[in-house]
Amino acid sequence: MNRIDRLYALAEELRAAGPRGRTARQLAARFEVSVRTIERDLSALGQAGVPLATKQGRTGGYSVDRAMSLPPLNFTPREAMAVAVALSRGDHVLFARDARTALQKIVAAMPQRDLDEARTAAAKVRLLVQPVPDPDGEVAEQIWRAVRDNQVLRIQYTDVGGVETLREIEPQHVVVGPNGSYLTAWCHLRQEDRVFRMDRISKAERSVTLPQRPPASGDLHVDGYETKLPDAALRPEDLFPTPT
């Protein structure tokens, strides 16, 4: 996380903490930096006009007055509940941390009365989720970066028969399904498109080999399943087109 991103995240963390605040040591542990770095960041936030308050003593720390800082947007209780339900359905190792911080930002921006209403409504919902094997977190992150950046990966893969192979692949899509997560890729060893179960990839590292195939652009079709495209949720102009 670079400093600009950390400053934004630091302000959101303090907003979410409310009047209880956070100590410099707690913040340093949260963002995996030194206490001195956090103190410099807090000083920068104060100079930028963020309404920081300090409390002395054993339980002291730093806080942000919600009433003195304007949240970027407001969610209705139903909207907040809907987001909480959606995020709870997709607790994938690749996105779990980002989902938590996204929901934290929503909660921090809501008035207490609306937040209480959202929590009451969400308590009436139950989700049935089938446990599936998760890939290793570091391996999943390497895979995601390769998919994002169109990089060739060298992986150690164990197939359904227990045979372990070392392969170079060109990742195309991360596929999250009800029975686990998969990676579609062009396999240099087999010279064809293949699907790899991510929890069977024990090692993954970038290769210096250049991609040989163009990035995949077509939709994924799997018999018996409907494919959903998360990027559609980031295009409100497509979800709610302007009437002609």
Foldseek 3Di string as FASTA:
>chain_A
DDLVVLLVLVQLVQLLCEPLGDALVRSCVVVVHDSVVSVVSVVVCVVVPQQWDWDDDPSIHIHGHLVVDQQPDADALVRLLVLVVVLVQDCALACNVVSVSVSSSRLSNYDPVRNVVSVVVNVVDDDDADDADHADNVLVVQLVVQQVVQFKKWWWFQDPVRDTDTWIWGWADWAQDRHAIWTWTQTPVVRGIDIGGRNRTPDMDTDPDHDDDDHDDDDDDDPPDDDDDVVVVVCVCVVDPDDD
